[in-house]
Amino acid sequence: MSTAPRPNHSSVLASMARTEAFTSAEEAWFWTMSALTARRDGARISAGKGTTQRPCEPDDVIKCLDRLYRQRRIELTHARVMRIWGERGTAPSPRHAQERGDYRLWREAMNRLEWPLRVKGIVAGAPRMMDEDAEIVQFPGRSA
């Protein structure tokens, strides 16, 4: 019976304690797209080299997205909108008529991605409201 060296679990847990989770799926997605764009442009990405250590690699976020796609919770139109706006580094705005359709798909995708990222510890903190950018409109003749 061979006794292979056991991994040092305390060092793994200690390194995880120094990581900073994202506050939302949107923040994780922008970070992921930034890293993937840098990788595509030839940068070598290695863990622990950035200013903030994250609890994942960009591919971990992509795997969560892929699982949602295979479960038919995210469609190709969601992924297309996520790629386009992720490369731009900003979310579509519901205030611009041309972006409203993309905004709806973006919100759906981010809301569906949030839970798997939370389960994996990639996103932490209080969950965000689904439509925090929504505008409350008062109807004439009605009081609040």
N, C-alpha and C. Protein backbone atom coordinates (compact mmCIF):
# COMPACT_ATOMS: atom_id res chain seq x y z
N MET A 1 0.84 -1.18 0.00
CA MET A 1 0.00 0.00 0.00
C MET A 1 0.89 1.24 0.00
N SER A 2 0.72 2.06 -0.98
CA SER A 2 1.57 3.25 -1.08
C SER A 2 0.93 4.40 -0.32
N THR A 3 1.77 5.20 0.21
CA THR A 3 1.27 6.38 0.93
C THR A 3 1.68 7.62 0.16
N ALA A 4 0.80 8.03 -0.72
CA ALA A 4 1.06 9.23 -1.52
C ALA A 4 0.89 10.45 -0.62
N PRO A 5 1.67 11.47 -0.86
CA PRO A 5 1.54 12.68 -0.04
C PRO A 5 0.14 13.28 -0.21
N ARG A 6 -0.45 13.65 0.91
CA ARG A 6 -1.78 14.25 0.88
C ARG A 6 -1.64 15.74 0.65
N PRO A 7 -2.57 16.29 -0.11
CA PRO A 7 -2.50 17.75 -0.32
C PRO A 7 -2.71 18.47 0.99
N ASN A 8 -2.07 19.60 1.11
CA ASN A 8 -2.18 20.40 2.31
C ASN A 8 -3.45 21.23 2.24
N HIS A 9 -4.52 20.70 2.83
CA HIS A 9 -5.82 21.37 2.75
C HIS A 9 -5.82 22.72 3.46
N SER A 10 -5.05 22.87 4.50
CA SER A 10 -5.04 24.14 5.21
C SER A 10 -4.48 25.26 4.34
N SER A 11 -3.50 24.96 3.49
CA SER A 11 -2.95 26.00 2.62
C SER A 11 -3.96 26.38 1.54
N VAL A 12 -4.75 25.41 1.07
CA VAL A 12 -5.78 25.72 0.08
C VAL A 12 -6.85 26.61 0.70
N LEU A 13 -7.30 26.26 1.91
CA LEU A 13 -8.32 27.07 2.58
C LEU A 13 -7.79 28.46 2.94
N ALA A 14 -6.54 28.54 3.33
CA ALA A 14 -5.96 29.85 3.65
C ALA A 14 -5.89 30.73 2.42
N SER A 15 -5.55 30.16 1.27
CA SER A 15 -5.49 30.96 0.06
C SER A 15 -6.88 31.39 -0.38
N MET A 16 -7.90 30.55 -0.15
CA MET A 16 -9.27 30.92 -0.50
C MET A 16 -9.77 32.06 0.39
N ALA A 17 -9.29 32.12 1.64
CA ALA A 17 -9.71 33.17 2.56
C ALA A 17 -9.20 34.54 2.10
N ARG A 18 -8.14 34.56 1.33
CA ARG A 18 -7.58 35.83 0.85
C ARG A 18 -8.22 36.30 -0.46
N THR A 19 -9.15 35.53 -0.99
CA THR A 19 -9.79 35.93 -2.24
C THR A 19 -10.97 36.84 -1.97
N GLU A 20 -11.33 37.59 -2.97
CA GLU A 20 -12.46 38.52 -2.87
C GLU A 20 -13.51 38.12 -3.90
N ALA A 21 -14.66 37.69 -3.41
CA ALA A 21 -15.76 37.30 -4.30
C ALA A 21 -16.34 38.54 -4.98
N PHE A 22 -17.02 38.31 -6.07
CA PHE A 22 -17.69 39.39 -6.78
C PHE A 22 -18.98 39.75 -6.06
N THR A 23 -19.49 40.95 -6.28
CA THR A 23 -20.72 41.37 -5.62
C THR A 23 -21.96 41.02 -6.45
N SER A 24 -21.76 40.68 -7.72
CA SER A 24 -22.90 40.35 -8.59
C SER A 24 -22.41 39.51 -9.76
N ALA A 25 -23.37 38.88 -10.42
CA ALA A 25 -23.06 38.12 -11.63
C ALA A 25 -22.54 39.07 -12.72
N GLU A 26 -23.09 40.26 -12.75
CA GLU A 26 -22.67 41.25 -13.74
C GLU A 26 -21.19 41.60 -13.57
N GLU A 27 -20.78 41.84 -12.34
CA GLU A 27 -19.37 42.16 -12.07
C GLU A 27 -18.48 40.98 -12.46
N ALA A 28 -18.91 39.76 -12.13
CA ALA A 28 -18.14 38.57 -12.49
C ALA A 28 -18.06 38.42 -14.01
N TRP A 29 -19.15 38.74 -14.70
CA TRP A 29 -19.17 38.62 -16.15
C TRP A 29 -18.22 39.62 -16.82
N PHE A 30 -18.24 40.87 -16.36
CA PHE A 30 -17.34 41.87 -16.94
C PHE A 30 -15.88 41.48 -16.70
N TRP A 31 -15.57 40.97 -15.52
CA TRP A 31 -14.21 40.50 -15.22
C TRP A 31 -13.83 39.34 -16.15
N THR A 32 -14.77 38.41 -16.32
CA THR A 32 -14.52 37.25 -17.18
C THR A 32 -14.26 37.70 -18.62
N MET A 33 -15.10 38.58 -19.13
CA MET A 33 -14.93 39.04 -20.51
C MET A 33 -13.62 39.81 -20.67
N SER A 34 -13.24 40.59 -19.69
CA SER A 34 -11.98 41.31 -19.74
C SER A 34 -10.81 40.33 -19.81
N ALA A 35 -10.86 39.29 -19.00
CA ALA A 35 -9.80 38.29 -18.99
C ALA A 35 -9.77 37.51 -20.30
N LEU A 36 -10.93 37.15 -20.82
CA LEU A 36 -10.98 36.40 -22.08
C LEU A 36 -10.50 37.25 -23.25
N THR A 37 -10.83 38.53 -23.24
CA THR A 37 -10.36 39.43 -24.29
C THR A 37 -8.84 39.57 -24.22
N ALA A 38 -8.31 39.70 -23.01
CA ALA A 38 -6.85 39.79 -22.85
C ALA A 38 -6.19 38.50 -23.31
N ARG A 39 -6.78 37.36 -22.97
CA ARG A 39 -6.24 36.06 -23.40
C ARG A 39 -6.24 35.95 -24.92
N ARG A 40 -7.35 36.39 -25.54
CA ARG A 40 -7.45 36.35 -27.00
C ARG A 40 -6.38 37.22 -27.65
N ASP A 41 -6.05 38.33 -26.98
CA ASP A 41 -5.06 39.25 -27.51
C ASP A 41 -3.62 38.85 -27.17
N GLY A 42 -3.47 37.68 -26.53
CA GLY A 42 -2.13 37.15 -26.31
C GLY A 42 -1.61 37.21 -24.90
N ALA A 43 -2.38 37.75 -23.97
CA ALA A 43 -1.91 37.82 -22.58
C ALA A 43 -1.91 36.43 -21.97
N ARG A 44 -0.98 36.19 -21.10
CA ARG A 44 -0.95 34.93 -20.35
C ARG A 44 -1.58 35.19 -19.00
N ILE A 45 -2.65 34.50 -18.74
CA ILE A 45 -3.39 34.69 -17.50
C ILE A 45 -3.02 33.60 -16.53
N SER A 46 -2.60 34.00 -15.33
CA SER A 46 -2.29 33.02 -14.29
C SER A 46 -2.89 33.48 -12.98
N ALA A 47 -3.32 32.52 -12.19
CA ALA A 47 -4.02 32.81 -10.94
C ALA A 47 -3.13 33.56 -9.96
N GLY A 48 -3.74 34.47 -9.22
CA GLY A 48 -3.06 35.16 -8.14
C GLY A 48 -2.14 36.28 -8.56
N LYS A 49 -2.14 36.67 -9.82
CA LYS A 49 -1.22 37.70 -10.29
C LYS A 49 -1.86 39.09 -10.36
N GLY A 50 -3.18 39.19 -10.24
CA GLY A 50 -3.86 40.48 -10.35
C GLY A 50 -3.82 41.25 -9.05
N THR A 51 -4.36 42.46 -9.08
CA THR A 51 -4.39 43.29 -7.88
C THR A 51 -5.36 42.73 -6.84
N THR A 52 -6.41 42.06 -7.30
CA THR A 52 -7.38 41.43 -6.41
C THR A 52 -7.45 39.95 -6.75
N GLN A 53 -7.27 39.10 -5.76
CA GLN A 53 -7.36 37.67 -6.01
C GLN A 53 -8.83 37.27 -5.99
N ARG A 54 -9.24 36.54 -7.00
CA ARG A 54 -10.63 36.12 -7.14
C ARG A 54 -10.75 34.63 -6.82
N PRO A 55 -11.94 34.19 -6.43
CA PRO A 55 -12.12 32.78 -6.03
C PRO A 55 -12.33 31.84 -7.21
N CYS A 56 -11.99 32.29 -8.40
CA CYS A 56 -12.23 31.47 -9.58
C CYS A 56 -11.31 31.89 -10.71
N GLU A 57 -11.40 31.14 -11.78
CA GLU A 57 -10.77 31.48 -13.05
C GLU A 57 -11.88 31.91 -14.01
N PRO A 58 -11.56 32.64 -15.06
CA PRO A 58 -12.61 33.03 -16.03
C PRO A 58 -13.36 31.81 -16.58
N ASP A 59 -12.67 30.71 -16.76
CA ASP A 59 -13.31 29.51 -17.30
C ASP A 59 -14.37 28.95 -16.36
N ASP A 60 -14.26 29.21 -15.06
CA ASP A 60 -15.27 28.74 -14.10
C ASP A 60 -16.61 29.43 -14.36
N VAL A 61 -16.57 30.72 -14.68
CA VAL A 61 -17.79 31.47 -14.98
C VAL A 61 -18.37 30.96 -16.30
N ILE A 62 -17.51 30.70 -17.26
CA ILE A 62 -17.97 30.18 -18.56
C ILE A 62 -18.62 28.80 -18.37
N LYS A 63 -18.06 27.97 -17.50
CA LYS A 63 -18.65 26.65 -17.24
C LYS A 63 -20.05 26.78 -16.65
N CYS A 64 -20.27 27.75 -15.77
CA CYS A 64 -21.60 27.98 -15.22
C CYS A 64 -22.57 28.40 -16.33
N LEU A 65 -22.11 29.28 -17.21
CA LEU A 65 -22.93 29.73 -18.33
C LEU A 65 -23.23 28.55 -19.26
N ASP A 66 -22.24 27.71 -19.53
CA ASP A 66 -22.43 26.55 -20.39
C ASP A 66 -23.46 25.59 -19.80
N ARG A 67 -23.40 25.38 -18.49
CA ARG A 67 -24.37 24.50 -17.85
C ARG A 67 -25.78 25.06 -17.97
N LEU A 68 -25.93 26.37 -17.80
CA LEU A 68 -27.25 26.99 -17.98
C LEU A 68 -27.75 26.82 -19.41
N TYR A 69 -26.84 26.91 -20.37
CA TYR A 69 -27.21 26.72 -21.78
C TYR A 69 -27.67 25.28 -22.02
N ARG A 70 -26.92 24.31 -21.49
CA ARG A 70 -27.28 22.91 -21.67
C ARG A 70 -28.60 22.57 -20.97
N GLN A 71 -28.91 23.30 -19.89
CA GLN A 71 -30.18 23.10 -19.19
C GLN A 71 -31.32 23.90 -19.82
N ARG A 72 -31.00 24.62 -20.90
CA ARG A 72 -31.95 25.45 -21.64
C ARG A 72 -32.52 26.59 -20.79
N ARG A 73 -31.69 27.09 -19.88
CA ARG A 73 -32.08 28.25 -19.08
C ARG A 73 -31.56 29.54 -19.72
N ILE A 74 -30.55 29.39 -20.58
CA ILE A 74 -29.98 30.52 -21.32
C ILE A 74 -29.96 30.10 -22.79
N GLU A 75 -30.35 31.02 -23.64
CA GLU A 75 -30.36 30.74 -25.08
C GLU A 75 -29.19 31.44 -25.76
N LEU A 76 -28.98 31.12 -27.03
CA LEU A 76 -27.89 31.74 -27.77
C LEU A 76 -28.06 33.26 -27.86
N THR A 77 -29.30 33.74 -27.88
CA THR A 77 -29.51 35.19 -27.93
C THR A 77 -29.01 35.84 -26.64
N HIS A 78 -29.20 35.17 -25.50
CA HIS A 78 -28.65 35.69 -24.24
C HIS A 78 -27.13 35.75 -24.32
N ALA A 79 -26.52 34.66 -24.78
CA ALA A 79 -25.06 34.59 -24.86
C ALA A 79 -24.51 35.66 -25.81
N ARG A 80 -25.20 35.89 -26.92
CA ARG A 80 -24.77 36.91 -27.87
C ARG A 80 -24.77 38.29 -27.22
N VAL A 81 -25.85 38.61 -26.52
CA VAL A 81 -25.96 39.91 -25.84
C VAL A 81 -24.89 40.02 -24.75
N MET A 82 -24.68 38.93 -24.01
CA MET A 82 -23.65 38.95 -22.96
C MET A 82 -22.26 39.18 -23.55
N ARG A 83 -21.97 38.56 -24.69
CA ARG A 83 -20.65 38.75 -25.32
C ARG A 83 -20.49 40.19 -25.81
N ILE A 84 -21.47 40.69 -26.53
CA ILE A 84 -21.37 42.04 -27.10
C ILE A 84 -21.18 43.09 -26.00
N TRP A 85 -22.06 43.07 -24.99
CA TRP A 85 -22.00 44.08 -23.94
C TRP A 85 -20.85 43.81 -22.99
N GLY A 86 -20.47 42.56 -22.82
CA GLY A 86 -19.32 42.23 -21.99
C GLY A 86 -18.04 42.78 -22.59
N GLU A 87 -17.91 42.70 -23.91
CA GLU A 87 -16.73 43.27 -24.58
C GLU A 87 -16.72 44.79 -24.46
N ARG A 88 -17.89 45.40 -24.43
CA ARG A 88 -17.98 46.86 -24.28
C ARG A 88 -17.70 47.29 -22.85
N GLY A 89 -17.88 46.35 -21.90
CA GLY A 89 -17.62 46.67 -20.50
C GLY A 89 -18.72 47.45 -19.82
N THR A 90 -19.90 47.42 -20.40
CA THR A 90 -21.04 48.13 -19.82
C THR A 90 -22.31 47.35 -20.13
N ALA A 91 -23.32 47.54 -19.32
CA ALA A 91 -24.60 46.87 -19.54
C ALA A 91 -25.47 47.73 -20.45
N PRO A 92 -26.37 47.10 -21.20
CA PRO A 92 -27.31 47.89 -22.01
C PRO A 92 -28.23 48.70 -21.09
N SER A 93 -28.72 49.80 -21.59
CA SER A 93 -29.57 50.69 -20.79
C SER A 93 -31.02 50.61 -21.24
N PRO A 94 -31.94 50.47 -20.29
CA PRO A 94 -33.36 50.45 -20.66
C PRO A 94 -33.85 51.84 -21.07
N ARG A 95 -33.05 52.86 -20.83
CA ARG A 95 -33.45 54.23 -21.15
C ARG A 95 -33.22 54.57 -22.63
N HIS A 96 -32.44 53.74 -23.33
CA HIS A 96 -32.21 53.95 -24.76
C HIS A 96 -33.06 52.95 -25.54
N ALA A 97 -33.89 53.46 -26.42
CA ALA A 97 -34.84 52.62 -27.15
C ALA A 97 -34.14 51.48 -27.91
N GLN A 98 -32.97 51.75 -28.49
CA GLN A 98 -32.26 50.75 -29.27
C GLN A 98 -31.71 49.62 -28.40
N GLU A 99 -31.57 49.86 -27.10
CA GLU A 99 -30.95 48.88 -26.21
C GLU A 99 -31.95 48.12 -25.34
N ARG A 100 -33.24 48.44 -25.42
CA ARG A 100 -34.23 47.84 -24.53
C ARG A 100 -34.33 46.33 -24.69
N GLY A 101 -34.31 45.85 -25.91
CA GLY A 101 -34.37 44.40 -26.13
C GLY A 101 -33.15 43.70 -25.55
N ASP A 102 -31.98 44.29 -25.79
CA ASP A 102 -30.76 43.73 -25.22
C ASP A 102 -30.78 43.79 -23.69
N TYR A 103 -31.35 44.87 -23.15
CA TYR A 103 -31.42 45.02 -21.70
C TYR A 103 -32.26 43.89 -21.09
N ARG A 104 -33.38 43.58 -21.70
CA ARG A 104 -34.24 42.51 -21.19
C ARG A 104 -33.50 41.18 -21.19
N LEU A 105 -32.82 40.87 -22.29
CA LEU A 105 -32.05 39.62 -22.37
C LEU A 105 -30.88 39.63 -21.38
N TRP A 106 -30.23 40.77 -21.23
CA TRP A 106 -29.11 40.92 -20.29
C TRP A 106 -29.58 40.63 -18.87
N ARG A 107 -30.70 41.26 -18.45
CA ARG A 107 -31.22 41.05 -17.09
C ARG A 107 -31.59 39.59 -16.87
N GLU A 108 -32.24 38.98 -17.85
CA GLU A 108 -32.61 37.56 -17.72
C GLU A 108 -31.37 36.71 -17.52
N ALA A 109 -30.36 36.95 -18.34
CA ALA A 109 -29.13 36.16 -18.27
C ALA A 109 -28.41 36.37 -16.95
N MET A 110 -28.29 37.61 -16.50
CA MET A 110 -27.60 37.89 -15.24
C MET A 110 -28.36 37.28 -14.06
N ASN A 111 -29.68 37.37 -14.08
CA ASN A 111 -30.48 36.79 -13.00
C ASN A 111 -30.33 35.27 -12.96
N ARG A 112 -30.24 34.64 -14.10
CA ARG A 112 -30.10 33.18 -14.15
C ARG A 112 -28.68 32.73 -13.82
N LEU A 113 -27.69 33.55 -14.10
CA LEU A 113 -26.30 33.22 -13.83
C LEU A 113 -25.94 33.44 -12.35
N GLU A 114 -26.66 34.33 -11.70
CA GLU A 114 -26.33 34.71 -10.32
C GLU A 114 -26.31 33.52 -9.36
N TRP A 115 -27.34 32.67 -9.40
CA TRP A 115 -27.44 31.58 -8.43
C TRP A 115 -26.28 30.58 -8.54
N PRO A 116 -25.96 30.05 -9.74
CA PRO A 116 -24.84 29.11 -9.81
C PRO A 116 -23.52 29.73 -9.35
N LEU A 117 -23.33 31.01 -9.61
CA LEU A 117 -22.10 31.67 -9.17
C LEU A 117 -22.08 31.83 -7.65
N ARG A 118 -23.23 32.06 -7.05
CA ARG A 118 -23.32 32.14 -5.59
C ARG A 118 -23.03 30.79 -4.95
N VAL A 119 -23.58 29.73 -5.52
CA VAL A 119 -23.37 28.39 -4.98
C VAL A 119 -21.89 28.04 -4.97
N LYS A 120 -21.16 28.46 -5.99
CA LYS A 120 -19.73 28.18 -6.10
C LYS A 120 -18.86 29.15 -5.30
N GLY A 121 -19.46 30.17 -4.70
CA GLY A 121 -18.70 31.14 -3.93
C GLY A 121 -18.03 32.21 -4.78
N ILE A 122 -18.39 32.28 -6.04
CA ILE A 122 -17.81 33.28 -6.94
C ILE A 122 -18.46 34.64 -6.70
N VAL A 123 -19.76 34.63 -6.39
CA VAL A 123 -20.51 35.84 -6.05
C VAL A 123 -20.94 35.72 -4.60
N ALA A 124 -20.79 36.79 -3.84
CA ALA A 124 -21.18 36.79 -2.43
C ALA A 124 -21.86 38.12 -2.11
N GLY A 125 -22.38 38.22 -0.92
CA GLY A 125 -23.05 39.44 -0.50
C GLY A 125 -24.54 39.35 -0.73
N ALA A 126 -25.21 40.44 -0.46
CA ALA A 126 -26.67 40.48 -0.60
C ALA A 126 -27.06 40.40 -2.06
N PRO A 127 -28.07 39.59 -2.38
CA PRO A 127 -28.54 39.53 -3.77
C PRO A 127 -29.08 40.89 -4.21
N ARG A 128 -28.85 41.20 -5.46
CA ARG A 128 -29.32 42.48 -6.01
C ARG A 128 -30.75 42.34 -6.48
N MET A 129 -31.45 43.48 -6.52
CA MET A 129 -32.81 43.47 -7.06
C MET A 129 -32.75 43.15 -8.54
N MET A 130 -33.77 42.49 -9.04
CA MET A 130 -33.78 42.07 -10.43
C MET A 130 -33.69 43.24 -11.39
N ASP A 131 -34.40 44.28 -11.12
CA ASP A 131 -34.40 45.44 -12.02
C ASP A 131 -34.12 46.70 -11.23
N GLU A 132 -32.92 46.79 -10.67
CA GLU A 132 -32.60 47.95 -9.85
C GLU A 132 -32.56 49.24 -10.64
N ASP A 133 -32.45 49.15 -11.97
CA ASP A 133 -32.44 50.34 -12.80
C ASP A 133 -33.83 50.74 -13.24
N ALA A 134 -34.85 49.98 -12.82
CA ALA A 134 -36.21 50.26 -13.24
C ALA A 134 -36.65 51.62 -12.70
N GLU A 135 -37.40 52.29 -13.50
CA GLU A 135 -37.89 53.61 -13.13
C GLU A 135 -39.33 53.49 -12.65
N ILE A 136 -39.66 54.10 -11.52
CA ILE A 136 -41.02 54.08 -11.00
C ILE A 136 -41.74 55.29 -11.56
N VAL A 137 -42.87 55.03 -12.23
CA VAL A 137 -43.63 56.09 -12.88
C VAL A 137 -44.94 56.25 -12.12
N GLN A 138 -45.25 57.48 -11.75
CA GLN A 138 -46.50 57.77 -11.04
C GLN A 138 -47.58 58.05 -12.07
N PHE A 139 -48.72 57.39 -11.95
CA PHE A 139 -49.83 57.62 -12.86
C PHE A 139 -50.58 58.88 -12.43
N PRO A 140 -51.05 59.67 -13.42
CA PRO A 140 -51.79 60.90 -13.09
C PRO A 140 -53.06 60.57 -12.31
N GLY A 141 -53.35 61.40 -11.29
CA GLY A 141 -54.57 61.23 -10.52
C GLY A 141 -54.47 60.20 -9.41
N ARG A 142 -53.35 59.57 -9.26
CA ARG A 142 -53.16 58.57 -8.20
C ARG A 142 -52.11 59.07 -7.24
N SER A 143 -52.33 58.83 -5.98
CA SER A 143 -51.30 59.20 -5.00
C SER A 143 -50.70 57.94 -4.44
N ALA A 144 -49.48 58.06 -3.94
CA ALA A 144 -48.76 56.89 -3.44
C ALA A 144 -49.24 56.44 -2.08
